[in-house]
Amino acid sequence: MASFTLERIVAAPPKAVFDLSLDVGLHLASQSSRGERAVAGTTSGMLGEGDEVTWSARHFGIRFRLSSIVFDVDRPHRFRDRQTRGPFRSFLHTHEFLAADDGGTLMRDTIEFRSPLGPLGRLVDAVVMRRHLIGVITERNDAISAHFS
């Protein structure tokens, strides 16, 4: 399984960063370059434990749908979401929010994923998908940081 972790300091307390990270509107705004839409499930407001959402977005010139569920919510410290249906064989995103010394928040995203198609999928993950997903999560995190600037 491929994985990566991104960390960023956000100039806001953990509770505020946590809540914004579960906001469907923020997610959609951060992914507007991909034409992302929430098309089923919880399509607006703040996601919570057990909420499911289906996202539709264009990646690599192709429109994909990915359904995910939010779970393991421990406000304001951590939550996770995982794909329930979509293009990946598996996809798990762990969001962590730790108080930083300056009153801000260390926001940590850990992504574990596997594309389908066995050895070919592992090659795609190593050569293309990891870099692409880092870009997607970085754009989202840029939007979260900008909200508090």
C-alpha atoms as a PDB file:
ATOM      1  CA  MET A   1       0.000   0.000   0.000  1.00  0.00           C
ATOM      2  CA  ALA A   2       1.300   3.460  -0.897  1.00  0.00           C
ATOM      3  CA  SER A   3       1.174   6.266   1.651  1.00  0.00           C
ATOM      4  CA  PHE A   4       2.380   9.747   2.516  1.00  0.00           C
ATOM      5  CA  THR A   5       2.043  12.262   5.348  1.00  0.00           C
ATOM      6  CA  LEU A   6       1.786  16.035   5.024  1.00  0.00           C
ATOM      7  CA  GLU A   7       2.135  18.443   7.950  1.00  0.00           C
ATOM      8  CA  ARG A   8       1.377  22.125   8.188  1.00  0.00           C
ATOM      9  CA  ILE A   9       1.078  24.736  10.923  1.00  0.00           C
ATOM     10  CA  VAL A  10      -2.200  26.665  10.712  1.00  0.00           C
ATOM     11  CA  ALA A  11      -2.619  29.972  12.558  1.00  0.00           C
ATOM     12  CA  ALA A  12      -5.771  28.971  14.445  1.00  0.00           C
ATOM     13  CA  PRO A  13      -6.662  26.750  17.430  1.00  0.00           C
ATOM     14  CA  PRO A  14      -7.235  23.008  16.833  1.00  0.00           C
ATOM     15  CA  LYS A  15     -11.001  23.208  17.351  1.00  0.00           C
ATOM     16  CA  ALA A  16     -11.400  25.795  14.569  1.00  0.00           C
ATOM     17  CA  VAL A  17      -9.115  23.933  12.144  1.00  0.00           C
ATOM     18  CA  PHE A  18     -10.830  20.617  12.928  1.00  0.00           C
ATOM     19  CA  ASP A  19     -14.298  22.046  12.277  1.00  0.00           C
ATOM     20  CA  LEU A  20     -13.272  23.741   9.025  1.00  0.00           C
ATOM     21  CA  SER A  21     -11.686  20.489   7.835  1.00  0.00           C
ATOM     22  CA  LEU A  22     -15.106  18.803   8.029  1.00  0.00           C
ATOM     23  CA  ASP A  23     -16.912  21.581   6.134  1.00  0.00           C
ATOM     24  CA  VAL A  24     -18.219  20.415   2.745  1.00  0.00           C
ATOM     25  CA  GLY A  25     -18.201  23.985   1.385  1.00  0.00           C
ATOM     26  CA  LEU A  26     -14.513  24.474   2.195  1.00  0.00           C
ATOM     27  CA  HIS A  27     -13.681  21.171   0.512  1.00  0.00           C
ATOM     28  CA  LEU A  28     -15.604  22.133  -2.627  1.00  0.00           C
ATOM     29  CA  ALA A  29     -13.985  25.573  -2.784  1.00  0.00           C
ATOM     30  CA  SER A  30     -10.526  24.051  -2.365  1.00  0.00           C
ATOM     31  CA  GLN A  31     -11.118  21.644  -5.257  1.00  0.00           C
ATOM     32  CA  SER A  32     -12.855  24.032  -7.669  1.00  0.00           C
ATOM     33  CA  SER A  33     -10.016  23.613 -10.198  1.00  0.00           C
ATOM     34  CA  ARG A  34     -11.180  20.008 -10.556  1.00  0.00           C
ATOM     35  CA  GLY A  35     -14.868  20.891 -10.889  1.00  0.00           C
ATOM     36  CA  GLU A  36     -15.604  18.989  -7.684  1.00  0.00           C
ATOM     37  CA  ARG A  37     -19.210  18.597  -6.574  1.00  0.00           C
ATOM     38  CA  ALA A  38     -20.885  16.814  -3.672  1.00  0.00           C
ATOM     39  CA  VAL A  39     -23.530  14.741  -5.456  1.00  0.00           C
ATOM     40  CA  ALA A  40     -24.972  12.387  -2.820  1.00  0.00           C
ATOM     41  CA  GLY A  41     -25.140  11.909   0.928  1.00  0.00           C
ATOM     42  CA  THR A  42     -24.232  14.906   3.080  1.00  0.00           C
ATOM     43  CA  THR A  43     -23.728  17.590   0.417  1.00  0.00           C
ATOM     44  CA  SER A  44     -23.485  20.712   2.587  1.00  0.00           C
ATOM     45  CA  GLY A  45     -22.597  21.823   6.095  1.00  0.00           C
ATOM     46  CA  MET A  46     -20.245  20.038   8.456  1.00  0.00           C
ATOM     47  CA  LEU A  47     -19.656  16.297   8.228  1.00  0.00           C
ATOM     48  CA  GLY A  48     -19.830  14.193  11.377  1.00  0.00           C
ATOM     49  CA  GLU A  49     -19.413  10.630  12.614  1.00  0.00           C
ATOM     50  CA  GLY A  50     -20.978   8.179  10.153  1.00  0.00           C
ATOM     51  CA  ASP A  51     -21.761  10.765   7.480  1.00  0.00           C
ATOM     52  CA  GLU A  52     -21.278   9.656   3.903  1.00  0.00           C
ATOM     53  CA  VAL A  53     -20.682  11.846   0.883  1.00  0.00           C
ATOM     54  CA  THR A  54     -20.148  11.143  -2.790  1.00  0.00           C
ATOM     55  CA  TRP A  55     -17.764  13.505  -4.554  1.00  0.00           C
ATOM     56  CA  SER A  56     -17.603  13.948  -8.306  1.00  0.00           C
ATOM     57  CA  ALA A  57     -14.468  15.548  -9.743  1.00  0.00           C
ATOM     58  CA  ARG A  58     -12.285  15.591 -12.824  1.00  0.00           C
ATOM     59  CA  HIS A  59      -8.804  14.067 -12.476  1.00  0.00           C
ATOM     60  CA  PHE A  60      -6.516  13.382 -15.439  1.00  0.00           C
ATOM     61  CA  GLY A  61      -9.297  14.690 -17.714  1.00  0.00           C
ATOM     62  CA  ILE A  62     -11.738  11.996 -16.539  1.00  0.00           C
ATOM     63  CA  ARG A  63     -14.720  12.502 -14.231  1.00  0.00           C
ATOM     64  CA  PHE A  64     -14.592  10.191 -11.212  1.00  0.00           C
ATOM     65  CA  ARG A  65     -16.984   9.560  -8.331  1.00  0.00           C
ATOM     66  CA  LEU A  66     -15.682   8.648  -4.905  1.00  0.00           C
ATOM     67  CA  SER A  67     -17.966   7.852  -1.968  1.00  0.00           C
ATOM     68  CA  SER A  68     -16.503   8.097   1.511  1.00  0.00           C
ATOM     69  CA  ILE A  69     -17.577   7.773   5.125  1.00  0.00           C
ATOM     70  CA  VAL A  70     -16.348   9.847   8.080  1.00  0.00           C
ATOM     71  CA  PHE A  71     -15.510   7.829  11.210  1.00  0.00           C
ATOM     72  CA  ASP A  72     -13.319   7.722  14.296  1.00  0.00           C
ATOM     73  CA  VAL A  73     -14.252  11.333  15.101  1.00  0.00           C
ATOM     74  CA  ASP A  74     -12.489  12.618  18.223  1.00  0.00           C
ATOM     75  CA  ARG A  75     -13.119  16.384  18.188  1.00  0.00           C
ATOM     76  CA  PRO A  76     -10.861  18.372  18.016  1.00  0.00           C
ATOM     77  CA  HIS A  77      -8.001  15.882  17.719  1.00  0.00           C
ATOM     78  CA  ARG A  78      -8.663  13.464  14.884  1.00  0.00           C
ATOM     79  CA  PHE A  79     -11.045  12.007  12.345  1.00  0.00           C
ATOM     80  CA  ARG A  80     -10.726   9.591   9.469  1.00  0.00           C
ATOM     81  CA  ASP A  81     -12.459   9.049   6.170  1.00  0.00           C
ATOM     82  CA  ARG A  82     -12.291   6.090   3.854  1.00  0.00           C
ATOM     83  CA  GLN A  83     -13.557   5.288   0.404  1.00  0.00           C
ATOM     84  CA  THR A  84     -16.638   3.087   0.368  1.00  0.00           C
ATOM     85  CA  ARG A  85     -16.975   3.156  -3.436  1.00  0.00           C
ATOM     86  CA  GLY A  86     -14.769   4.625  -6.101  1.00  0.00           C
ATOM     87  CA  PRO A  87     -11.683   4.339  -8.241  1.00  0.00           C
ATOM     88  CA  PHE A  88      -9.258   3.062  -5.581  1.00  0.00           C
ATOM     89  CA  ARG A  89      -8.914  -0.473  -4.342  1.00  0.00           C
ATOM     90  CA  SER A  90      -8.566   1.206  -0.932  1.00  0.00           C
ATOM     91  CA  PHE A  91      -8.226   4.777   0.314  1.00  0.00           C
ATOM     92  CA  LEU A  92      -7.890   5.937   3.938  1.00  0.00           C
ATOM     93  CA  HIS A  93      -7.281   9.533   5.079  1.00  0.00           C
ATOM     94  CA  THR A  94      -6.359  10.216   8.723  1.00  0.00           C
ATOM     95  CA  HIS A  95      -6.664  13.873   9.806  1.00  0.00           C
ATOM     96  CA  GLU A  96      -4.894  14.921  13.028  1.00  0.00           C
ATOM     97  CA  PHE A  97      -4.890  18.291  14.782  1.00  0.00           C
ATOM     98  CA  LEU A  98      -2.292  18.980  17.469  1.00  0.00           C
ATOM     99  CA  ALA A  99      -1.877  22.173  19.482  1.00  0.00           C
ATOM    100  CA  ALA A 100       1.264  24.013  18.374  1.00  0.00           C
ATOM    101  CA  ASP A 101       3.472  26.052  20.721  1.00  0.00           C
ATOM    102  CA  ASP A 102       2.471  29.359  19.107  1.00  0.00           C
ATOM    103  CA  GLY A 103      -1.265  28.844  19.716  1.00  0.00           C
ATOM    104  CA  GLY A 104      -1.787  27.471  16.235  1.00  0.00           C
ATOM    105  CA  THR A 105      -2.400  23.918  15.064  1.00  0.00           C
ATOM    106  CA  LEU A 106      -0.150  21.284  13.586  1.00  0.00           C
ATOM    107  CA  MET A 107      -2.410  19.736  10.970  1.00  0.00           C
ATOM    108  CA  ARG A 108      -1.260  16.273   9.853  1.00  0.00           C
ATOM    109  CA  ASP A 109      -2.781  14.349   6.937  1.00  0.00           C
ATOM    110  CA  THR A 110      -1.818  10.708   6.417  1.00  0.00           C
ATOM    111  CA  ILE A 111      -3.078   9.092   3.231  1.00  0.00           C
ATOM    112  CA  GLU A 112      -2.915   5.341   2.598  1.00  0.00           C
ATOM    113  CA  PHE A 113      -4.106   4.189  -0.809  1.00  0.00           C
ATOM    114  CA  ARG A 114      -3.966   1.426  -3.362  1.00  0.00           C
ATOM    115  CA  SER A 115      -5.051   1.583  -6.971  1.00  0.00           C
ATOM    116  CA  PRO A 116      -6.702  -1.435  -8.597  1.00  0.00           C
ATOM    117  CA  LEU A 117      -5.030  -3.741 -11.130  1.00  0.00           C
ATOM    118  CA  GLY A 118      -2.362  -5.364  -8.961  1.00  0.00           C
ATOM    119  CA  PRO A 119       1.223  -4.756 -10.140  1.00  0.00           C
ATOM    120  CA  LEU A 120       0.124  -2.180 -12.733  1.00  0.00           C
ATOM    121  CA  GLY A 121      -1.780  -0.275 -10.038  1.00  0.00           C
ATOM    122  CA  ARG A 122       1.256  -0.296  -7.745  1.00  0.00           C
ATOM    123  CA  LEU A 123       3.333   1.167 -10.578  1.00  0.00           C
ATOM    124  CA  VAL A 124       0.711   3.885 -11.155  1.00  0.00           C
ATOM    125  CA  ASP A 125       0.706   4.635  -7.410  1.00  0.00           C
ATOM    126  CA  ALA A 126       4.491   5.020  -7.327  1.00  0.00           C
ATOM    127  CA  VAL A 127       4.906   6.978 -10.566  1.00  0.00           C
ATOM    128  CA  VAL A 128       1.773   9.140 -10.802  1.00  0.00           C
ATOM    129  CA  MET A 129      -0.855   8.795  -8.092  1.00  0.00           C
ATOM    130  CA  ARG A 130       1.228   9.668  -5.024  1.00  0.00           C
ATOM    131  CA  ARG A 131       2.354  12.976  -6.556  1.00  0.00           C
ATOM    132  CA  HIS A 132      -1.175  13.751  -7.767  1.00  0.00           C
ATOM    133  CA  LEU A 133      -2.729  13.104  -4.349  1.00  0.00           C
ATOM    134  CA  ILE A 134      -0.072  15.221  -2.614  1.00  0.00           C
ATOM    135  CA  GLY A 135      -1.158  18.070  -4.914  1.00  0.00           C
ATOM    136  CA  VAL A 136      -4.853  17.526  -4.106  1.00  0.00           C
ATOM    137  CA  ILE A 137      -4.284  17.509  -0.334  1.00  0.00           C
ATOM    138  CA  THR A 138      -1.907  20.490  -0.548  1.00  0.00           C
ATOM    139  CA  GLU A 139      -4.573  22.537  -2.369  1.00  0.00           C
ATOM    140  CA  ARG A 140      -7.100  21.646   0.318  1.00  0.00           C
ATOM    141  CA  ASN A 141      -4.654  22.580   3.063  1.00  0.00           C
ATOM    142  CA  ASP A 142      -3.818  25.845   1.307  1.00  0.00           C
ATOM    143  CA  ALA A 143      -7.523  26.751   1.464  1.00  0.00           C
ATOM    144  CA  ILE A 144      -7.704  25.887   5.157  1.00  0.00           C
ATOM    145  CA  SER A 145      -4.614  28.007   5.918  1.00  0.00           C
ATOM    146  CA  ALA A 146      -5.884  30.918   3.802  1.00  0.00           C
ATOM    147  CA  HIS A 147      -9.183  30.925   5.702  1.00  0.00           C
ATOM    148  CA  PHE A 148      -7.312  31.836   8.898  1.00  0.00           C
ATOM    149  CA  SER A 149      -4.906  34.358   7.328  1.00  0.00           C
END
